[in-house]
Amino acid sequence: MANDAPGKRPVFVYLSEILAEIEFLKAAAAGLTFEQYLKSGEKRRAVERSLEIISEATRGIPETDQALHPDIPWRRVQDLGNVIRHAYFGLAQERLWAIIQTQLDKLEQAVRQLQSRHPSR
């Protein structure tokens, strides 16, 4: 399967990066309350950065693969990175917390399924 444009990295690399960030986010949020998260600048920055990486990595997933998982709001995931980068001063931390609490499992499942289409070399 040809899945690389000139200058792009292989799709499996993007998928692996997404999974690594999901794993990190789950570990970072484990046992935390929203209030504890809000009080920890380090946790907030780590969450923001991981979501930004996920957002950017999803841009490396071909649209044909994204179409296999229409339940994932791919464009919104990609746009989240722009929000984090450009509207950092007004981020809705409640929304970021909700994403890591409710959306990661679904994204992880989709990415794992896509990995079978793009095995590492």
PDB file of N, CA and C in Angstrom:
ATOM      1  N   MET A   1       0.830  -1.189   0.000  1.00  0.00           N
ATOM      2  CA  MET A   1       0.000   0.000   0.000  1.00  0.00           C
ATOM      3  C   MET A   1       0.870   1.246   0.000  1.00  0.00           C
ATOM      4  N   ALA A   2       0.737   2.023  -0.999  1.00  0.00           N
ATOM      5  CA  ALA A   2       1.463   3.297  -1.018  1.00  0.00           C
ATOM      6  C   ALA A   2       0.682   4.276  -0.170  1.00  0.00           C
ATOM      7  N   ASN A   3       1.301   4.796   0.851  1.00  0.00           N
ATOM      8  CA  ASN A   3       0.588   5.711   1.738  1.00  0.00           C
ATOM      9  C   ASN A   3       1.417   6.933   2.079  1.00  0.00           C
ATOM     10  N   ASP A   4       2.512   7.098   1.382  1.00  0.00           N
ATOM     11  CA  ASP A   4       3.398   8.206   1.711  1.00  0.00           C
ATOM     12  C   ASP A   4       3.500   9.167   0.536  1.00  0.00           C
ATOM     13  N   ALA A   5       3.287  10.421   0.816  1.00  0.00           N
ATOM     14  CA  ALA A   5       3.575  11.448  -0.174  1.00  0.00           C
ATOM     15  C   ALA A   5       5.029  11.838   0.020  1.00  0.00           C
ATOM     16  N   PRO A   6       5.664  12.382  -1.016  1.00  0.00           N
ATOM     17  CA  PRO A   6       7.062  12.813  -0.849  1.00  0.00           C
ATOM     18  C   PRO A   6       7.203  13.754   0.345  1.00  0.00           C
ATOM     19  N   GLY A   7       8.162  13.474   1.190  1.00  0.00           N
ATOM     20  CA  GLY A   7       8.406  14.333   2.342  1.00  0.00           C
ATOM     21  C   GLY A   7       7.560  14.001   3.556  1.00  0.00           C
ATOM     22  N   LYS A   8       6.604  13.108   3.406  1.00  0.00           N
ATOM     23  CA  LYS A   8       5.758  12.721   4.534  1.00  0.00           C
ATOM     24  C   LYS A   8       6.305  11.470   5.203  1.00  0.00           C
ATOM     25  N   ARG A   9       5.958  11.322   6.424  1.00  0.00           N
ATOM     26  CA  ARG A   9       6.353  10.121   7.147  1.00  0.00           C
ATOM     27  C   ARG A   9       5.326   9.030   6.891  1.00  0.00           C
ATOM     28  N   PRO A  10       5.698   7.781   7.109  1.00  0.00           N
ATOM     29  CA  PRO A  10       4.738   6.686   6.926  1.00  0.00           C
ATOM     30  C   PRO A  10       3.551   6.827   7.885  1.00  0.00           C
ATOM     31  N   VAL A  11       2.400   6.372   7.438  1.00  0.00           N
ATOM     32  CA  VAL A  11       1.179   6.479   8.236  1.00  0.00           C
ATOM     33  C   VAL A  11       1.337   5.779   9.578  1.00  0.00           C
ATOM     34  N   PHE A  12       2.011   4.621   9.595  1.00  0.00           N
ATOM     35  CA  PHE A  12       2.142   3.900  10.863  1.00  0.00           C
ATOM     36  C   PHE A  12       2.854   4.742  11.927  1.00  0.00           C
ATOM     37  N   VAL A  13       3.717   5.656  11.508  1.00  0.00           N
ATOM     38  CA  VAL A  13       4.400   6.525  12.476  1.00  0.00           C
ATOM     39  C   VAL A  13       3.390   7.463  13.127  1.00  0.00           C
ATOM     40  N   TYR A  14       2.537   8.070  12.330  1.00  0.00           N
ATOM     41  CA  TYR A  14       1.508   8.950  12.884  1.00  0.00           C
ATOM     42  C   TYR A  14       0.583   8.186  13.833  1.00  0.00           C
ATOM     43  N   LEU A  15       0.188   6.997  13.412  1.00  0.00           N
ATOM     44  CA  LEU A  15      -0.704   6.182  14.248  1.00  0.00           C
ATOM     45  C   LEU A  15      -0.033   5.829  15.571  1.00  0.00           C
ATOM     46  N   SER A  16       1.238   5.470  15.509  1.00  0.00           N
ATOM     47  CA  SER A  16       1.983   5.121  16.729  1.00  0.00           C
ATOM     48  C   SER A  16       2.107   6.326  17.661  1.00  0.00           C
ATOM     49  N   GLU A  17       2.328   7.494  17.086  1.00  0.00           N
ATOM     50  CA  GLU A  17       2.435   8.710  17.905  1.00  0.00           C
ATOM     51  C   GLU A  17       1.114   9.027  18.589  1.00  0.00           C
ATOM     52  N   ILE A  18       0.021   8.860  17.870  1.00  0.00           N
ATOM     53  CA  ILE A  18      -1.293   9.094  18.469  1.00  0.00           C
ATOM     54  C   ILE A  18      -1.504   8.156  19.646  1.00  0.00           C
ATOM     55  N   LEU A  19      -1.204   6.882  19.451  1.00  0.00           N
ATOM     56  CA  LEU A  19      -1.395   5.910  20.531  1.00  0.00           C
ATOM     57  C   LEU A  19      -0.499   6.214  21.730  1.00  0.00           C
ATOM     58  N   ALA A  20       0.723   6.643  21.475  1.00  0.00           N
ATOM     59  CA  ALA A  20       1.626   6.984  22.582  1.00  0.00           C
ATOM     60  C   ALA A  20       1.072   8.158  23.378  1.00  0.00           C
ATOM     61  N   GLU A  21       0.516   9.136  22.697  1.00  0.00           N
ATOM     62  CA  GLU A  21      -0.048  10.295  23.400  1.00  0.00           C
ATOM     63  C   GLU A  21      -1.325   9.936  24.143  1.00  0.00           C
ATOM     64  N   ILE A  22      -2.128   9.066  23.581  1.00  0.00           N
ATOM     65  CA  ILE A  22      -3.331   8.610  24.289  1.00  0.00           C
ATOM     66  C   ILE A  22      -2.934   7.899  25.571  1.00  0.00           C
ATOM     67  N   GLU A  23      -1.930   7.027  25.470  1.00  0.00           N
ATOM     68  CA  GLU A  23      -1.438   6.316  26.654  1.00  0.00           C
ATOM     69  C   GLU A  23      -0.944   7.310  27.705  1.00  0.00           C
ATOM     70  N   PHE A  24      -0.192   8.307  27.266  1.00  0.00           N
ATOM     71  CA  PHE A  24       0.307   9.324  28.182  1.00  0.00           C
ATOM     72  C   PHE A  24      -0.847  10.068  28.846  1.00  0.00           C
ATOM     73  N   LEU A  25      -1.827  10.481  28.071  1.00  0.00           N
ATOM     74  CA  LEU A  25      -2.952  11.234  28.621  1.00  0.00           C
ATOM     75  C   LEU A  25      -3.729  10.418  29.642  1.00  0.00           C
ATOM     76  N   LYS A  26      -3.946   9.152  29.339  1.00  0.00           N
ATOM     77  CA  LYS A  26      -4.667   8.300  30.288  1.00  0.00           C
ATOM     78  C   LYS A  26      -3.887   8.177  31.596  1.00  0.00           C
ATOM     79  N   ALA A  27      -2.585   8.002  31.496  1.00  0.00           N
ATOM     80  CA  ALA A  27      -1.758   7.895  32.701  1.00  0.00           C
ATOM     81  C   ALA A  27      -1.739   9.221  33.466  1.00  0.00           C
ATOM     82  N   ALA A  28      -1.644  10.320  32.745  1.00  0.00           N
ATOM     83  CA  ALA A  28      -1.583  11.637  33.389  1.00  0.00           C
ATOM     84  C   ALA A  28      -2.873  11.971  34.124  1.00  0.00           C
ATOM     85  N   ALA A  29      -3.996  11.488  33.600  1.00  0.00           N
ATOM     86  CA  ALA A  29      -5.293  11.814  34.199  1.00  0.00           C
ATOM     87  C   ALA A  29      -5.748  10.783  35.226  1.00  0.00           C
ATOM     88  N   ALA A  30      -5.080   9.653  35.281  1.00  0.00           N
ATOM     89  CA  ALA A  30      -5.497   8.578  36.183  1.00  0.00           C
ATOM     90  C   ALA A  30      -5.523   9.061  37.629  1.00  0.00           C
ATOM     91  N   GLY A  31      -6.656   8.888  38.260  1.00  0.00           N
ATOM     92  CA  GLY A  31      -6.790   9.240  39.669  1.00  0.00           C
ATOM     93  C   GLY A  31      -6.927  10.727  39.950  1.00  0.00           C
ATOM     94  N   LEU A  32      -6.919  11.547  38.933  1.00  0.00           N
ATOM     95  CA  LEU A  32      -7.041  12.993  39.124  1.00  0.00           C
ATOM     96  C   LEU A  32      -8.490  13.436  39.065  1.00  0.00           C
ATOM     97  N   THR A  33      -8.828  14.379  39.883  1.00  0.00           N
ATOM     98  CA  THR A  33     -10.117  15.049  39.734  1.00  0.00           C
ATOM     99  C   THR A  33      -9.902  16.254  38.829  1.00  0.00           C
ATOM    100  N   PHE A  34     -10.983  16.808  38.339  1.00  0.00           N
ATOM    101  CA  PHE A  34     -10.877  17.995  37.498  1.00  0.00           C
ATOM    102  C   PHE A  34     -10.250  19.145  38.286  1.00  0.00           C
ATOM    103  N   GLU A  35     -10.592  19.262  39.543  1.00  0.00           N
ATOM    104  CA  GLU A  35     -10.033  20.335  40.375  1.00  0.00           C
ATOM    105  C   GLU A  35      -8.529  20.181  40.539  1.00  0.00           C
ATOM    106  N   GLN A  36      -8.057  18.952  40.735  1.00  0.00           N
ATOM    107  CA  GLN A  36      -6.626  18.711  40.838  1.00  0.00           C
ATOM    108  C   GLN A  36      -5.924  19.035  39.521  1.00  0.00           C
ATOM    109  N   TYR A  37      -6.555  18.663  38.444  1.00  0.00           N
ATOM    110  CA  TYR A  37      -6.022  18.974  37.121  1.00  0.00           C
ATOM    111  C   TYR A  37      -5.884  20.487  36.947  1.00  0.00           C
ATOM    112  N   LEU A  38      -6.915  21.222  37.296  1.00  0.00           N
ATOM    113  CA  LEU A  38      -6.883  22.686  37.160  1.00  0.00           C
ATOM    114  C   LEU A  38      -5.772  23.322  37.985  1.00  0.00           C
ATOM    115  N   LYS A  39      -5.511  22.776  39.147  1.00  0.00           N
ATOM    116  CA  LYS A  39      -4.500  23.349  40.041  1.00  0.00           C
ATOM    117  C   LYS A  39      -3.071  23.036  39.602  1.00  0.00           C
ATOM    118  N   SER A  40      -2.918  22.051  38.737  1.00  0.00           N
ATOM    119  CA  SER A  40      -1.578  21.646  38.306  1.00  0.00           C
ATOM    120  C   SER A  40      -1.257  22.224  36.930  1.00  0.00           C
ATOM    121  N   GLY A  41      -0.472  23.267  36.928  1.00  0.00           N
ATOM    122  CA  GLY A  41      -0.047  23.855  35.667  1.00  0.00           C
ATOM    123  C   GLY A  41       0.713  22.864  34.807  1.00  0.00           C
ATOM    124  N   GLU A  42       1.505  22.015  35.442  1.00  0.00           N
ATOM    125  CA  GLU A  42       2.267  21.015  34.695  1.00  0.00           C
ATOM    126  C   GLU A  42       1.345  20.028  33.989  1.00  0.00           C
ATOM    127  N   LYS A  43       0.313  19.567  34.683  1.00  0.00           N
ATOM    128  CA  LYS A  43      -0.631  18.625  34.074  1.00  0.00           C
ATOM    129  C   LYS A  43      -1.381  19.285  32.927  1.00  0.00           C
ATOM    130  N   ARG A  44      -1.822  20.518  33.141  1.00  0.00           N
ATOM    131  CA  ARG A  44      -2.552  21.220  32.081  1.00  0.00           C
ATOM    132  C   ARG A  44      -1.681  21.381  30.836  1.00  0.00           C
ATOM    133  N   ARG A  45      -0.439  21.798  31.038  1.00  0.00           N
ATOM    134  CA  ARG A  45       0.459  21.967  29.890  1.00  0.00           C
ATOM    135  C   ARG A  45       0.729  20.636  29.201  1.00  0.00           C
ATOM    136  N   ALA A  46       0.890  19.594  29.982  1.00  0.00           N
ATOM    137  CA  ALA A  46       1.142  18.271  29.405  1.00  0.00           C
ATOM    138  C   ALA A  46      -0.066  17.800  28.594  1.00  0.00           C
ATOM    139  N   VAL A  47      -1.253  17.994  29.126  1.00  0.00           N
ATOM    140  CA  VAL A  47      -2.472  17.608  28.415  1.00  0.00           C
ATOM    141  C   VAL A  47      -2.602  18.407  27.125  1.00  0.00           C
ATOM    142  N   GLU A  48      -2.398  19.701  27.219  1.00  0.00           N
ATOM    143  CA  GLU A  48      -2.502  20.551  26.034  1.00  0.00           C
ATOM    144  C   GLU A  48      -1.509  20.106  24.962  1.00  0.00           C
ATOM    145  N   ARG A  49      -0.282  19.842  25.353  1.00  0.00           N
ATOM    146  CA  ARG A  49       0.741  19.440  24.385  1.00  0.00           C
ATOM    147  C   ARG A  49       0.403  18.089  23.767  1.00  0.00           C
ATOM    148  N   SER A  50      -0.048  17.140  24.558  1.00  0.00           N
ATOM    149  CA  SER A  50      -0.396  15.824  24.020  1.00  0.00           C
ATOM    150  C   SER A  50      -1.561  15.919  23.047  1.00  0.00           C
ATOM    151  N   LEU A  51      -2.556  16.717  23.381  1.00  0.00           N
ATOM    152  CA  LEU A  51      -3.682  16.897  22.467  1.00  0.00           C
ATOM    153  C   LEU A  51      -3.236  17.589  21.183  1.00  0.00           C
ATOM    154  N   GLU A  52      -2.307  18.507  21.322  1.00  0.00           N
ATOM    155  CA  GLU A  52      -1.762  19.189  20.137  1.00  0.00           C
ATOM    156  C   GLU A  52      -1.030  18.192  19.233  1.00  0.00           C
ATOM    157  N   ILE A  53      -0.255  17.299  19.819  1.00  0.00           N
ATOM    158  CA  ILE A  53       0.467  16.280  19.050  1.00  0.00           C
ATOM    159  C   ILE A  53      -0.522  15.345  18.359  1.00  0.00           C
ATOM    160  N   ILE A  54      -1.535  14.910  19.083  1.00  0.00           N
ATOM    161  CA  ILE A  54      -2.560  14.050  18.483  1.00  0.00           C
ATOM    162  C   ILE A  54      -3.203  14.763  17.305  1.00  0.00           C
ATOM    163  N   SER A  55      -3.551  16.003  17.522  1.00  0.00           N
ATOM    164  CA  SER A  55      -4.179  16.800  16.473  1.00  0.00           C
ATOM    165  C   SER A  55      -3.314  16.847  15.225  1.00  0.00           C
ATOM    166  N   GLU A  56      -2.052  17.140  15.411  1.00  0.00           N
ATOM    167  CA  GLU A  56      -1.142  17.247  14.271  1.00  0.00           C
ATOM    168  C   GLU A  56      -0.936  15.888  13.606  1.00  0.00           C
ATOM    169  N   ALA A  57      -0.802  14.840  14.384  1.00  0.00           N
ATOM    170  CA  ALA A  57      -0.570  13.503  13.829  1.00  0.00           C
ATOM    171  C   ALA A  57      -1.764  13.010  13.015  1.00  0.00           C
ATOM    172  N   THR A  58      -2.979  13.407  13.398  1.00  0.00           N
ATOM    173  CA  THR A  58      -4.145  12.958  12.621  1.00  0.00           C
ATOM    174  C   THR A  58      -4.120  13.513  11.203  1.00  0.00           C
ATOM    175  N   ARG A  59      -3.389  14.589  10.993  1.00  0.00           N
ATOM    176  CA  ARG A  59      -3.270  15.152   9.641  1.00  0.00           C
ATOM    177  C   ARG A  59      -2.498  14.215   8.717  1.00  0.00           C
ATOM    178  N   GLY A  60      -1.737  13.286   9.287  1.00  0.00           N
ATOM    179  CA  GLY A  60      -0.977  12.323   8.495  1.00  0.00           C
ATOM    180  C   GLY A  60      -1.752  11.063   8.149  1.00  0.00           C
ATOM    181  N   ILE A  61      -2.993  10.997   8.599  1.00  0.00           N
ATOM    182  CA  ILE A  61      -3.834   9.840   8.284  1.00  0.00           C
ATOM    183  C   ILE A  61      -4.616  10.148   7.011  1.00  0.00           C
ATOM    184  N   PRO A  62      -4.465   9.325   5.990  1.00  0.00           N
ATOM    185  CA  PRO A  62      -5.161   9.586   4.726  1.00  0.00           C
ATOM    186  C   PRO A  62      -6.679   9.660   4.907  1.00  0.00           C
ATOM    187  N   GLU A  63      -7.304  10.482   4.093  1.00  0.00           N
ATOM    188  CA  GLU A  63      -8.762  10.642   4.159  1.00  0.00           C
ATOM    189  C   GLU A  63      -9.480   9.325   3.921  1.00  0.00           C
ATOM    190  N   THR A  64      -8.894   8.450   3.101  1.00  0.00           N
ATOM    191  CA  THR A  64      -9.523   7.153   2.856  1.00  0.00           C
ATOM    192  C   THR A  64      -9.585   6.325   4.142  1.00  0.00           C
ATOM    193  N   ASP A  65      -8.571   6.447   4.974  1.00  0.00           N
ATOM    194  CA  ASP A  65      -8.577   5.754   6.265  1.00  0.00           C
ATOM    195  C   ASP A  65      -9.535   6.432   7.239  1.00  0.00           C
ATOM    196  N   GLN A  66      -9.526   7.745   7.235  1.00  0.00           N
ATOM    197  CA  GLN A  66     -10.446   8.472   8.111  1.00  0.00           C
ATOM    198  C   GLN A  66     -11.889   8.097   7.789  1.00  0.00           C
ATOM    199  N   ALA A  67     -12.185   7.912   6.516  1.00  0.00           N
ATOM    200  CA  ALA A  67     -13.544   7.569   6.096  1.00  0.00           C
ATOM    201  C   ALA A  67     -14.004   6.219   6.646  1.00  0.00           C
ATOM    202  N   LEU A  68     -13.064   5.362   7.008  1.00  0.00           N
ATOM    203  CA  LEU A  68     -13.415   4.060   7.590  1.00  0.00           C
ATOM    204  C   LEU A  68     -13.952   4.201   9.011  1.00  0.00           C
ATOM    205  N   HIS A  69     -13.738   5.373   9.595  1.00  0.00           N
ATOM    206  CA  HIS A  69     -14.184   5.634  10.971  1.00  0.00           C
ATOM    207  C   HIS A  69     -14.921   6.972  11.022  1.00  0.00           C
ATOM    208  N   PRO A  70     -16.110   6.995  10.431  1.00  0.00           N
ATOM    209  CA  PRO A  70     -16.854   8.256  10.376  1.00  0.00           C
ATOM    210  C   PRO A  70     -17.342   8.744  11.738  1.00  0.00           C
ATOM    211  N   ASP A  71     -17.290   7.874  12.731  1.00  0.00           N
ATOM    212  CA  ASP A  71     -17.698   8.274  14.083  1.00  0.00           C
ATOM    213  C   ASP A  71     -16.647   9.145  14.770  1.00  0.00           C
ATOM    214  N   ILE A  72     -15.453   9.216  14.206  1.00  0.00           N
ATOM    215  CA  ILE A  72     -14.398  10.077  14.747  1.00  0.00           C
ATOM    216  C   ILE A  72     -14.491  11.429  14.037  1.00  0.00           C
ATOM    217  N   PRO A  73     -14.612  12.497  14.787  1.00  0.00           N
ATOM    218  CA  PRO A  73     -14.680  13.827  14.156  1.00  0.00           C
ATOM    219  C   PRO A  73     -13.273  14.304  13.778  1.00  0.00           C
ATOM    220  N   TRP A  74     -12.716  13.704  12.733  1.00  0.00           N
ATOM    221  CA  TRP A  74     -11.327  13.946  12.356  1.00  0.00           C
ATOM    222  C   TRP A  74     -11.014  15.427  12.197  1.00  0.00           C
ATOM    223  N   ARG A  75     -11.884  16.148  11.526  1.00  0.00           N
ATOM    224  CA  ARG A  75     -11.621  17.573  11.296  1.00  0.00           C
ATOM    225  C   ARG A  75     -11.591  18.339  12.625  1.00  0.00           C
ATOM    226  N   ARG A  76     -12.472  18.000  13.539  1.00  0.00           N
ATOM    227  CA  ARG A  76     -12.478  18.666  14.845  1.00  0.00           C
ATOM    228  C   ARG A  76     -11.222  18.332  15.632  1.00  0.00           C
ATOM    229  N   VAL A  77     -10.754  17.093  15.513  1.00  0.00           N
ATOM    230  CA  VAL A  77      -9.507  16.709  16.185  1.00  0.00           C
ATOM    231  C   VAL A  77      -8.359  17.541  15.622  1.00  0.00           C
ATOM    232  N   GLN A  78      -8.310  17.659  14.308  1.00  0.00           N
ATOM    233  CA  GLN A  78      -7.254  18.446  13.672  1.00  0.00           C
ATOM    234  C   GLN A  78      -7.351  19.917  14.058  1.00  0.00           C
ATOM    235  N   ASP A  79      -8.559  20.438  14.095  1.00  0.00           N
ATOM    236  CA  ASP A  79      -8.760  21.851  14.446  1.00  0.00           C
ATOM    237  C   ASP A  79      -8.413  22.149  15.902  1.00  0.00           C
ATOM    238  N   LEU A  80      -8.515  21.145  16.764  1.00  0.00           N
ATOM    239  CA  LEU A  80      -8.198  21.356  18.175  1.00  0.00           C
ATOM    240  C   LEU A  80      -6.768  21.867  18.349  1.00  0.00           C
ATOM    241  N   GLY A  81      -5.857  21.358  17.558  1.00  0.00           N
ATOM    242  CA  GLY A  81      -4.469  21.816  17.639  1.00  0.00           C
ATOM    243  C   GLY A  81      -4.351  23.308  17.358  1.00  0.00           C
ATOM    244  N   ASN A  82      -5.102  23.790  16.382  1.00  0.00           N
ATOM    245  CA  ASN A  82      -5.090  25.219  16.081  1.00  0.00           C
ATOM    246  C   ASN A  82      -5.630  26.032  17.246  1.00  0.00           C
ATOM    247  N   VAL A  83      -6.672  25.534  17.863  1.00  0.00           N
ATOM    248  CA  VAL A  83      -7.241  26.224  19.023  1.00  0.00           C
ATOM    249  C   VAL A  83      -6.210  26.296  20.139  1.00  0.00           C
ATOM    250  N   ILE A  84      -5.561  25.184  20.410  1.00  0.00           N
ATOM    251  CA  ILE A  84      -4.562  25.152  21.477  1.00  0.00           C
ATOM    252  C   ILE A  84      -3.403  26.103  21.174  1.00  0.00           C
ATOM    253  N   ARG A  85      -2.957  26.100  19.925  1.00  0.00           N
ATOM    254  CA  ARG A  85      -1.828  26.963  19.546  1.00  0.00           C
ATOM    255  C   ARG A  85      -2.186  28.446  19.534  1.00  0.00           C
ATOM    256  N   HIS A  86      -3.374  28.772  19.068  1.00  0.00           N
ATOM    257  CA  HIS A  86      -3.684  30.176  18.829  1.00  0.00           C
ATOM    258  C   HIS A  86      -4.622  30.818  19.839  1.00  0.00           C
ATOM    259  N   ALA A  87      -5.341  30.012  20.587  1.00  0.00           N
ATOM    260  CA  ALA A  87      -6.265  30.571  21.577  1.00  0.00           C
ATOM    261  C   ALA A  87      -5.909  30.060  22.969  1.00  0.00           C
ATOM    262  N   TYR A  88      -4.621  29.838  23.176  1.00  0.00           N
ATOM    263  CA  TYR A  88      -4.136  29.276  24.438  1.00  0.00           C
ATOM    264  C   TYR A  88      -4.582  30.078  25.652  1.00  0.00           C
ATOM    265  N   PHE A  89      -4.769  31.355  25.494  1.00  0.00           N
ATOM    266  CA  PHE A  89      -5.132  32.234  26.600  1.00  0.00           C
ATOM    267  C   PHE A  89      -6.573  32.048  27.045  1.00  0.00           C
ATOM    268  N   GLY A  90      -7.392  31.440  26.216  1.00  0.00           N
ATOM    269  CA  GLY A  90      -8.800  31.273  26.571  1.00  0.00           C
ATOM    270  C   GLY A  90      -9.272  29.842  26.437  1.00  0.00           C
ATOM    271  N   LEU A  91      -8.367  28.889  26.626  1.00  0.00           N
ATOM    272  CA  LEU A  91      -8.751  27.484  26.485  1.00  0.00           C
ATOM    273  C   LEU A  91      -9.797  27.101  27.520  1.00  0.00           C
ATOM    274  N   ALA A  92     -10.789  26.399  27.071  1.00  0.00           N
ATOM    275  CA  ALA A  92     -11.822  25.874  27.964  1.00  0.00           C
ATOM    276  C   ALA A  92     -11.295  24.567  28.553  1.00  0.00           C
ATOM    277  N   GLN A  93     -10.715  24.673  29.722  1.00  0.00           N
ATOM    278  CA  GLN A  93     -10.127  23.486  30.341  1.00  0.00           C
ATOM    279  C   GLN A  93     -11.168  22.401  30.580  1.00  0.00           C
ATOM    280  N   GLU A  94     -12.405  22.797  30.803  1.00  0.00           N
ATOM    281  CA  GLU A  94     -13.473  21.801  30.984  1.00  0.00           C
ATOM    282  C   GLU A  94     -13.612  20.941  29.730  1.00  0.00           C
ATOM    283  N   ARG A  95     -13.476  21.578  28.577  1.00  0.00           N
ATOM    284  CA  ARG A  95     -13.600  20.859  27.310  1.00  0.00           C
ATOM    285  C   ARG A  95     -12.418  19.904  27.103  1.00  0.00           C
ATOM    286  N   LEU A  96     -11.219  20.368  27.413  1.00  0.00           N
ATOM    287  CA  LEU A  96     -10.046  19.492  27.275  1.00  0.00           C
ATOM    288  C   LEU A  96     -10.162  18.303  28.222  1.00  0.00           C
ATOM    289  N   TRP A  97     -10.600  18.565  29.438  1.00  0.00           N
ATOM    290  CA  TRP A  97     -10.781  17.489  30.416  1.00  0.00           C
ATOM    291  C   TRP A  97     -11.827  16.493  29.916  1.00  0.00           C
ATOM    292  N   ALA A  98     -12.909  17.000  29.365  1.00  0.00           N
ATOM    293  CA  ALA A  98     -13.960  16.121  28.840  1.00  0.00           C
ATOM    294  C   ALA A  98     -13.423  15.259  27.704  1.00  0.00           C
ATOM    295  N   ILE A  99     -12.580  15.829  26.872  1.00  0.00           N
ATOM    296  CA  ILE A  99     -11.992  15.058  25.765  1.00  0.00           C
ATOM    297  C   ILE A  99     -11.184  13.896  26.306  1.00  0.00           C
ATOM    298  N   ILE A 100     -10.322  14.159  27.288  1.00  0.00           N
ATOM    299  CA  ILE A 100      -9.485  13.056  27.770  1.00  0.00           C
ATOM    300  C   ILE A 100     -10.285  12.050  28.592  1.00  0.00           C
ATOM    301  N   GLN A 101     -11.401  12.474  29.142  1.00  0.00           N
ATOM    302  CA  GLN A 101     -12.227  11.557  29.923  1.00  0.00           C
ATOM    303  C   GLN A 101     -13.187  10.731  29.066  1.00  0.00           C
ATOM    304  N   THR A 102     -13.633  11.275  27.929  1.00  0.00           N
ATOM    305  CA  THR A 102     -14.709  10.607  27.189  1.00  0.00           C
ATOM    306  C   THR A 102     -14.400  10.252  25.741  1.00  0.00           C
ATOM    307  N   GLN A 103     -13.367  10.823  25.140  1.00  0.00           N
ATOM    308  CA  GLN A 103     -13.158  10.620  23.712  1.00  0.00           C
ATOM    309  C   GLN A 103     -11.948   9.756  23.358  1.00  0.00           C
ATOM    310  N   LEU A 104     -11.041   9.575  24.280  1.00  0.00           N
ATOM    311  CA  LEU A 104      -9.797   8.875  23.944  1.00  0.00           C
ATOM    312  C   LEU A 104      -9.994   7.413  23.596  1.00  0.00           C
ATOM    313  N   ASP A 105     -10.884   6.731  24.295  1.00  0.00           N
ATOM    314  CA  ASP A 105     -11.078   5.304  24.030  1.00  0.00           C
ATOM    315  C   ASP A 105     -11.554   5.056  22.601  1.00  0.00           C
ATOM    316  N   LYS A 106     -12.489   5.875  22.145  1.00  0.00           N
ATOM    317  CA  LYS A 106     -13.016   5.721  20.793  1.00  0.00           C
ATOM    318  C   LYS A 106     -11.924   6.000  19.752  1.00  0.00           C
ATOM    319  N   LEU A 107     -11.147   7.039  19.973  1.00  0.00           N
ATOM    320  CA  LEU A 107     -10.053   7.348  19.054  1.00  0.00           C
ATOM    321  C   LEU A 107      -9.007   6.237  19.080  1.00  0.00           C
ATOM    322  N   GLU A 108      -8.687   5.756  20.258  1.00  0.00           N
ATOM    323  CA  GLU A 108      -7.701   4.679  20.366  1.00  0.00           C
ATOM    324  C   GLU A 108      -8.151   3.441  19.597  1.00  0.00           C
ATOM    325  N   GLN A 109      -9.394   3.077  19.728  1.00  0.00           N
ATOM    326  CA  GLN A 109      -9.915   1.905  19.031  1.00  0.00           C
ATOM    327  C   GLN A 109      -9.797   2.092  17.515  1.00  0.00           C
ATOM    328  N   ALA A 110     -10.164   3.258  17.012  1.00  0.00           N
ATOM    329  CA  ALA A 110     -10.075   3.519  15.572  1.00  0.00           C
ATOM    330  C   ALA A 110      -8.631   3.465  15.095  1.00  0.00           C
ATOM    331  N   VAL A 111      -7.731   4.058  15.850  1.00  0.00           N
ATOM    332  CA  VAL A 111      -6.323   4.087  15.451  1.00  0.00           C
ATOM    333  C   VAL A 111      -5.735   2.680  15.469  1.00  0.00           C
ATOM    334  N   ARG A 112      -6.092   1.879  16.442  1.00  0.00           N
ATOM    335  CA  ARG A 112      -5.593   0.495  16.489  1.00  0.00           C
ATOM    336  C   ARG A 112      -6.086  -0.292  15.271  1.00  0.00           C
ATOM    337  N   GLN A 113      -7.316  -0.066  14.872  1.00  0.00           N
ATOM    338  CA  GLN A 113      -7.828  -0.741  13.681  1.00  0.00           C
ATOM    339  C   GLN A 113      -7.080  -0.282  12.436  1.00  0.00           C
ATOM    340  N   LEU A 114      -6.760   1.002  12.365  1.00  0.00           N
ATOM    341  CA  LEU A 114      -6.017   1.515  11.218  1.00  0.00           C
ATOM    342  C   LEU A 114      -4.591   0.972  11.178  1.00  0.00           C
ATOM    343  N   GLN A 115      -4.035   0.671  12.336  1.00  0.00           N
ATOM    344  CA  GLN A 115      -2.683   0.118  12.364  1.00  0.00           C
ATOM    345  C   GLN A 115      -2.586  -1.185  11.579  1.00  0.00           C
ATOM    346  N   SER A 116      -3.652  -1.963  11.575  1.00  0.00           N
ATOM    347  CA  SER A 116      -3.612  -3.226  10.832  1.00  0.00           C
ATOM    348  C   SER A 116      -3.516  -2.982   9.328  1.00  0.00           C
ATOM    349  N   ARG A 117      -3.928  -1.817   8.872  1.00  0.00           N
ATOM    350  CA  ARG A 117      -3.815  -1.451   7.452  1.00  0.00           C
ATOM    351  C   ARG A 117      -2.435  -0.873   7.131  1.00  0.00           C
ATOM    352  N   HIS A 118      -1.742  -0.414   8.157  1.00  0.00           N
ATOM    353  CA  HIS A 118      -0.443   0.254   7.975  1.00  0.00           C
ATOM    354  C   HIS A 118       0.574  -0.294   8.961  1.00  0.00           C
ATOM    355  N   PRO A 119       0.978  -1.543   8.797  1.00  0.00           N
ATOM    356  CA  PRO A 119       1.941  -2.126   9.749  1.00  0.00           C
ATOM    357  C   PRO A 119       3.298  -1.423   9.646  1.00  0.00           C
ATOM    358  N   SER A 120       4.018  -1.469  10.744  1.00  0.00           N
ATOM    359  CA  SER A 120       5.371  -0.886  10.725  1.00  0.00           C
ATOM    360  C   SER A 120       6.257  -1.734   9.828  1.00  0.00           C
ATOM    361  N   ARG A 121       7.288  -1.114   9.360  1.00  0.00           N
ATOM    362  CA  ARG A 121       8.191  -1.822   8.425  1.00  0.00           C
ATOM    363  C   ARG A 121       9.382  -2.374   9.133  1.00  0.00           C
TER     364      ARG A 121
END
